[in-house]
């Protein structure tokens, strides 16, 4: 089911809290950032991640 987010107000977690709508999946990267820092409402699969400041331990996230 698709939802028109045009009139949505508040932060993503207002609805995407795992109860009202699905929140982050079990394999989601741990983060305290808001969803809009990485995703858009048009294409969730096109997430981006800024590697600025990451200088080691790549395998802690890139493990599969």
PDB file of N, CA and C in Angstrom:
ATOM      1  N   UNK A   1       0.840  -1.179   0.000  1.00  0.00           N
ATOM      2  CA  UNK A   1       0.000   0.000   0.000  1.00  0.00           C
ATOM      3  C   UNK A   1       0.885   1.243   0.000  1.00  0.00           C
ATOM      4  N   UNK A   2       0.609   2.160  -0.878  1.00  0.00           N
ATOM      5  CA  UNK A   2       1.345   3.417  -0.934  1.00  0.00           C
ATOM      6  C   UNK A   2       0.591   4.484  -0.160  1.00  0.00           C
ATOM      7  N   UNK A   3       1.322   5.402   0.419  1.00  0.00           N
ATOM      8  CA  UNK A   3       0.729   6.495   1.186  1.00  0.00           C
ATOM      9  C   UNK A   3       1.225   7.794   0.600  1.00  0.00           C
ATOM     10  N   UNK A   4       0.307   8.722   0.354  1.00  0.00           N
ATOM     11  CA  UNK A   4       0.672  10.034  -0.160  1.00  0.00           C
ATOM     12  C   UNK A   4       1.186  10.878   1.002  1.00  0.00           C
ATOM     13  N   UNK A   5       2.491  11.142   1.012  1.00  0.00           N
ATOM     14  CA  UNK A   5       3.120  11.880   2.110  1.00  0.00           C
ATOM     15  C   UNK A   5       3.034  13.398   1.939  1.00  0.00           C
ATOM     16  N   UNK A   6       2.335  13.870   0.910  1.00  0.00           N
ATOM     17  CA  UNK A   6       2.254  15.299   0.623  1.00  0.00           C
ATOM     18  C   UNK A   6       1.765  16.100   1.821  1.00  0.00           C
ATOM     19  N   UNK A   7       0.774  15.607   2.518  1.00  0.00           N
ATOM     20  CA  UNK A   7       0.182  16.333   3.641  1.00  0.00           C
ATOM     21  C   UNK A   7       0.726  15.882   5.001  1.00  0.00           C
ATOM     22  N   UNK A   8       1.721  15.012   5.009  1.00  0.00           N
ATOM     23  CA  UNK A   8       2.274  14.512   6.271  1.00  0.00           C
ATOM     24  C   UNK A   8       2.960  15.637   7.033  1.00  0.00           C
ATOM     25  N   UNK A   9       2.746  15.674   8.332  1.00  0.00           N
ATOM     26  CA  UNK A   9       3.343  16.687   9.187  1.00  0.00           C
ATOM     27  C   UNK A   9       4.099  16.006  10.317  1.00  0.00           C
ATOM     28  N   UNK A  10       5.100  16.661  10.850  1.00  0.00           N
ATOM     29  CA  UNK A  10       5.878  16.099  11.945  1.00  0.00           C
ATOM     30  C   UNK A  10       7.048  15.301  11.418  1.00  0.00           C
ATOM     31  N   UNK A  11       7.753  14.662  12.324  1.00  0.00           N
ATOM     32  CA  UNK A  11       8.903  13.861  11.915  1.00  0.00           C
ATOM     33  C   UNK A  11       8.429  12.502  11.406  1.00  0.00           C
ATOM     34  N   UNK A  12       9.272  11.817  10.677  1.00  0.00           N
ATOM     35  CA  UNK A  12       8.923  10.503  10.128  1.00  0.00           C
ATOM     36  C   UNK A  12       8.519   9.535  11.240  1.00  0.00           C
ATOM     37  N   UNK A  13       9.248   9.590  12.376  1.00  0.00           N
ATOM     38  CA  UNK A  13       8.984   8.656  13.464  1.00  0.00           C
ATOM     39  C   UNK A  13       7.649   8.894  14.151  1.00  0.00           C
ATOM     40  N   UNK A  14       6.964  10.001  13.841  1.00  0.00           N
ATOM     41  CA  UNK A  14       5.625  10.222  14.367  1.00  0.00           C
ATOM     42  C   UNK A  14       4.710   9.072  13.967  1.00  0.00           C
ATOM     43  N   UNK A  15       4.820   8.629  12.722  1.00  0.00           N
ATOM     44  CA  UNK A  15       4.018   7.495  12.234  1.00  0.00           C
ATOM     45  C   UNK A  15       4.850   6.225  12.092  1.00  0.00           C
ATOM     46  N   UNK A  16       6.074   6.363  11.615  1.00  0.00           N
ATOM     47  CA  UNK A  16       6.950   5.200  11.400  1.00  0.00           C
ATOM     48  C   UNK A  16       7.614   4.829  12.725  1.00  0.00           C
ATOM     49  N   UNK A  17       6.792   4.296  13.617  1.00  0.00           N
ATOM     50  CA  UNK A  17       7.227   3.981  14.975  1.00  0.00           C
ATOM     51  C   UNK A  17       7.174   2.491  15.267  1.00  0.00           C
ATOM     52  N   UNK A  18       6.938   1.681  14.239  1.00  0.00           N
ATOM     53  CA  UNK A  18       6.847   0.237  14.416  1.00  0.00           C
ATOM     54  C   UNK A  18       5.472  -0.218  14.863  1.00  0.00           C
ATOM     55  N   UNK A  19       4.558   0.715  15.141  1.00  0.00           N
ATOM     56  CA  UNK A  19       3.196   0.380  15.561  1.00  0.00           C
ATOM     57  C   UNK A  19       2.206   0.862  14.504  1.00  0.00           C
ATOM     58  N   UNK A  20       2.196   2.175  14.276  1.00  0.00           N
ATOM     59  CA  UNK A  20       1.282   2.768  13.304  1.00  0.00           C
ATOM     60  C   UNK A  20       1.732   2.446  11.881  1.00  0.00           C
ATOM     61  N   UNK A  21       3.006   2.511  11.624  1.00  0.00           N
ATOM     62  CA  UNK A  21       3.604   2.149  10.339  1.00  0.00           C
ATOM     63  C   UNK A  21       4.972   1.545  10.637  1.00  0.00           C
ATOM     64  N   UNK A  22       5.483   0.748   9.713  1.00  0.00           N
ATOM     65  CA  UNK A  22       6.766   0.085   9.947  1.00  0.00           C
ATOM     66  C   UNK A  22       7.862   1.102  10.196  1.00  0.00           C
ATOM     67  N   UNK A  23       8.662   0.834  11.181  1.00  0.00           N
ATOM     68  CA  UNK A  23       9.827   1.665  11.464  1.00  0.00           C
ATOM     69  C   UNK A  23      11.033   1.084  10.755  1.00  0.00           C
ATOM     70  N   UNK A  24      12.203   1.263  11.320  1.00  0.00           N
ATOM     71  CA  UNK A  24      13.417   0.703  10.738  1.00  0.00           C
ATOM     72  C   UNK A  24      13.384  -0.814  10.855  1.00  0.00           C
ATOM     73  N   UNK A  25      13.792  -1.490   9.810  1.00  0.00           N
ATOM     74  CA  UNK A  25      13.837  -2.946   9.813  1.00  0.00           C
ATOM     75  C   UNK A  25      14.949  -3.481  10.695  1.00  0.00           C
ATOM     76  N   UNK A  26      14.939  -4.779  10.965  1.00  0.00           N
ATOM     77  CA  UNK A  26      15.926  -5.366  11.885  1.00  0.00           C
ATOM     78  C   UNK A  26      17.367  -5.302  11.379  1.00  0.00           C
ATOM     79  N   UNK A  27      17.576  -5.141  10.090  1.00  0.00           N
ATOM     80  CA  UNK A  27      18.933  -5.076   9.550  1.00  0.00           C
ATOM     81  C   UNK A  27      19.375  -3.645   9.262  1.00  0.00           C
ATOM     82  N   UNK A  28      18.561  -2.661   9.688  1.00  0.00           N
ATOM     83  CA  UNK A  28      18.889  -1.259   9.427  1.00  0.00           C
ATOM     84  C   UNK A  28      20.137  -0.856  10.205  1.00  0.00           C
ATOM     85  N   UNK A  29      20.962  -0.047   9.594  1.00  0.00           N
ATOM     86  CA  UNK A  29      22.138   0.517  10.234  1.00  0.00           C
ATOM     87  C   UNK A  29      21.716   1.284  11.484  1.00  0.00           C
ATOM     88  N   UNK A  30      22.413   1.078  12.592  1.00  0.00           N
ATOM     89  CA  UNK A  30      22.087   1.810  13.815  1.00  0.00           C
ATOM     90  C   UNK A  30      22.374   3.286  13.611  1.00  0.00           C
ATOM     91  N   UNK A  31      21.404   4.114  13.966  1.00  0.00           N
ATOM     92  CA  UNK A  31      21.551   5.552  13.793  1.00  0.00           C
ATOM     93  C   UNK A  31      20.581   6.296  14.684  1.00  0.00           C
ATOM     94  N   UNK A  32      20.950   7.499  15.052  1.00  0.00           N
ATOM     95  CA  UNK A  32      20.017   8.376  15.766  1.00  0.00           C
ATOM     96  C   UNK A  32      19.566   9.521  14.862  1.00  0.00           C
ATOM     97  N   UNK A  33      20.047   9.516  13.611  1.00  0.00           N
ATOM     98  CA  UNK A  33      19.664  10.549  12.647  1.00  0.00           C
ATOM     99  C   UNK A  33      18.217  10.368  12.223  1.00  0.00           C
ATOM    100  N   UNK A  34      17.582  11.445  11.819  1.00  0.00           N
ATOM    101  CA  UNK A  34      16.227  11.336  11.296  1.00  0.00           C
ATOM    102  C   UNK A  34      16.274  10.686   9.922  1.00  0.00           C
ATOM    103  N   UNK A  35      15.181  10.089   9.519  1.00  0.00           N
ATOM    104  CA  UNK A  35      15.125   9.387   8.238  1.00  0.00           C
ATOM    105  C   UNK A  35      15.475  10.298   7.063  1.00  0.00           C
ATOM    106  N   UNK A  36      15.066  11.549   7.121  1.00  0.00           N
ATOM    107  CA  UNK A  36      15.297  12.443   5.984  1.00  0.00           C
ATOM    108  C   UNK A  36      16.770  12.789   5.799  1.00  0.00           C
ATOM    109  N   UNK A  37      17.606  12.440   6.763  1.00  0.00           N
ATOM    110  CA  UNK A  37      19.039  12.659   6.592  1.00  0.00           C
ATOM    111  C   UNK A  37      19.603  11.691   5.560  1.00  0.00           C
ATOM    112  N   UNK A  38      18.949  10.558   5.358  1.00  0.00           N
ATOM    113  CA  UNK A  38      19.460   9.524   4.450  1.00  0.00           C
ATOM    114  C   UNK A  38      18.493   9.163   3.329  1.00  0.00           C
ATOM    115  N   UNK A  39      17.205   9.342   3.547  1.00  0.00           N
ATOM    116  CA  UNK A  39      16.184   8.905   2.595  1.00  0.00           C
ATOM    117  C   UNK A  39      15.358  10.077   2.098  1.00  0.00           C
ATOM    118  N   UNK A  40      14.590   9.819   1.044  1.00  0.00           N
ATOM    119  CA  UNK A  40      13.566  10.763   0.599  1.00  0.00           C
ATOM    120  C   UNK A  40      12.239  10.027   0.618  1.00  0.00           C
ATOM    121  N   UNK A  41      11.145  10.742   0.616  1.00  0.00           N
ATOM    122  CA  UNK A  41       9.837  10.082   0.596  1.00  0.00           C
ATOM    123  C   UNK A  41       9.524   9.511  -0.787  1.00  0.00           C
ATOM    124  N   UNK A  42      10.335   9.810  -1.768  1.00  0.00           N
ATOM    125  CA  UNK A  42      10.116   9.302  -3.123  1.00  0.00           C
ATOM    126  C   UNK A  42      10.769   7.935  -3.308  1.00  0.00           C
ATOM    127  N   UNK A  43      11.938   7.701  -2.721  1.00  0.00           N
ATOM    128  CA  UNK A  43      12.626   6.438  -2.929  1.00  0.00           C
ATOM    129  C   UNK A  43      13.443   6.010  -1.734  1.00  0.00           C
ATOM    130  N   UNK A  44      12.857   5.217  -0.839  1.00  0.00           N
ATOM    131  CA  UNK A  44      13.560   4.793   0.372  1.00  0.00           C
ATOM    132  C   UNK A  44      14.766   3.937   0.060  1.00  0.00           C
ATOM    133  N   UNK A  45      14.731   3.173  -1.032  1.00  0.00           N
ATOM    134  CA  UNK A  45      15.852   2.290  -1.337  1.00  0.00           C
ATOM    135  C   UNK A  45      17.073   3.056  -1.828  1.00  0.00           C
ATOM    136  N   UNK A  46      16.937   4.314  -2.154  1.00  0.00           N
ATOM    137  CA  UNK A  46      18.060   5.115  -2.630  1.00  0.00           C
ATOM    138  C   UNK A  46      18.784   5.830  -1.510  1.00  0.00           C
ATOM    139  N   UNK A  47      18.893   5.187  -0.374  1.00  0.00           N
ATOM    140  CA  UNK A  47      19.516   5.825   0.788  1.00  0.00           C
ATOM    141  C   UNK A  47      20.970   6.167   0.516  1.00  0.00           C
ATOM    142  N   UNK A  48      21.432   7.203   1.159  1.00  0.00           N
ATOM    143  CA  UNK A  48      22.830   7.625   1.052  1.00  0.00           C
ATOM    144  C   UNK A  48      23.431   7.655   2.451  1.00  0.00           C
ATOM    145  N   UNK A  49      24.719   7.520   2.530  1.00  0.00           N
ATOM    146  CA  UNK A  49      25.398   7.559   3.812  1.00  0.00           C
ATOM    147  C   UNK A  49      26.678   8.359   3.652  1.00  0.00           C
ATOM    148  N   UNK A  50      26.866   9.339   4.500  1.00  0.00           N
ATOM    149  CA  UNK A  50      28.083  10.127   4.441  1.00  0.00           C
ATOM    150  C   UNK A  50      29.172   9.415   5.231  1.00  0.00           C
ATOM    151  N   UNK A  51      30.273   9.098   4.584  1.00  0.00           N
ATOM    152  CA  UNK A  51      31.394   8.426   5.231  1.00  0.00           C
ATOM    153  C   UNK A  51      32.424   9.419   5.775  1.00  0.00           C
ATOM    154  N   UNK A  52      32.057  10.697   5.818  1.00  0.00           N
ATOM    155  CA  UNK A  52      32.960  11.711   6.347  1.00  0.00           C
ATOM    156  C   UNK A  52      33.286  11.364   7.800  1.00  0.00           C
ATOM    157  N   UNK A  53      34.555  11.310   8.113  1.00  0.00           N
ATOM    158  CA  UNK A  53      34.984  11.002   9.462  1.00  0.00           C
ATOM    159  C   UNK A  53      35.186   9.527   9.741  1.00  0.00           C
ATOM    160  N   UNK A  54      34.721   8.657   8.835  1.00  0.00           N
ATOM    161  CA  UNK A  54      34.931   7.210   9.019  1.00  0.00           C
ATOM    162  C   UNK A  54      36.287   6.877   8.434  1.00  0.00           C
ATOM    163  N   UNK A  55      37.201   6.429   9.265  1.00  0.00           N
ATOM    164  CA  UNK A  55      38.560   6.167   8.791  1.00  0.00           C
ATOM    165  C   UNK A  55      39.011   4.734   8.994  1.00  0.00           C
ATOM    166  N   UNK A  56      38.215   3.911   9.683  1.00  0.00           N
ATOM    167  CA  UNK A  56      38.615   2.524   9.911  1.00  0.00           C
ATOM    168  C   UNK A  56      37.407   1.659  10.246  1.00  0.00           C
ATOM    169  N   UNK A  57      37.652   0.375  10.426  1.00  0.00           N
ATOM    170  CA  UNK A  57      36.635  -0.594  10.850  1.00  0.00           C
ATOM    171  C   UNK A  57      35.474  -0.708   9.860  1.00  0.00           C
ATOM    172  N   UNK A  58      35.764  -0.717   8.572  1.00  0.00           N
ATOM    173  CA  UNK A  58      34.742  -0.799   7.533  1.00  0.00           C
ATOM    174  C   UNK A  58      33.847  -2.030   7.732  1.00  0.00           C
ATOM    175  N   UNK A  59      34.441  -3.152   8.123  1.00  0.00           N
ATOM    176  CA  UNK A  59      33.698  -4.409   8.247  1.00  0.00           C
ATOM    177  C   UNK A  59      32.634  -4.362   9.341  1.00  0.00           C
ATOM    178  N   UNK A  60      32.670  -3.390  10.228  1.00  0.00           N
ATOM    179  CA  UNK A  60      31.638  -3.314  11.252  1.00  0.00           C
ATOM    180  C   UNK A  60      30.271  -3.003  10.638  1.00  0.00           C
ATOM    181  N   UNK A  61      30.242  -2.341   9.483  1.00  0.00           N
ATOM    182  CA  UNK A  61      28.993  -2.092   8.754  1.00  0.00           C
ATOM    183  C   UNK A  61      28.931  -2.899   7.468  1.00  0.00           C
ATOM    184  N   UNK A  62      30.034  -2.963   6.735  1.00  0.00           N
ATOM    185  CA  UNK A  62      30.087  -3.678   5.460  1.00  0.00           C
ATOM    186  C   UNK A  62      30.454  -5.124   5.722  1.00  0.00           C
ATOM    187  N   UNK A  63      29.487  -5.866   6.276  1.00  0.00           N
ATOM    188  CA  UNK A  63      29.770  -7.231   6.719  1.00  0.00           C
ATOM    189  C   UNK A  63      29.117  -8.324   5.893  1.00  0.00           C
ATOM    190  N   UNK A  64      28.363  -7.950   4.853  1.00  0.00           N
ATOM    191  CA  UNK A  64      27.742  -8.990   4.023  1.00  0.00           C
ATOM    192  C   UNK A  64      27.893  -8.647   2.559  1.00  0.00           C
TER     193      UNK A  64
END
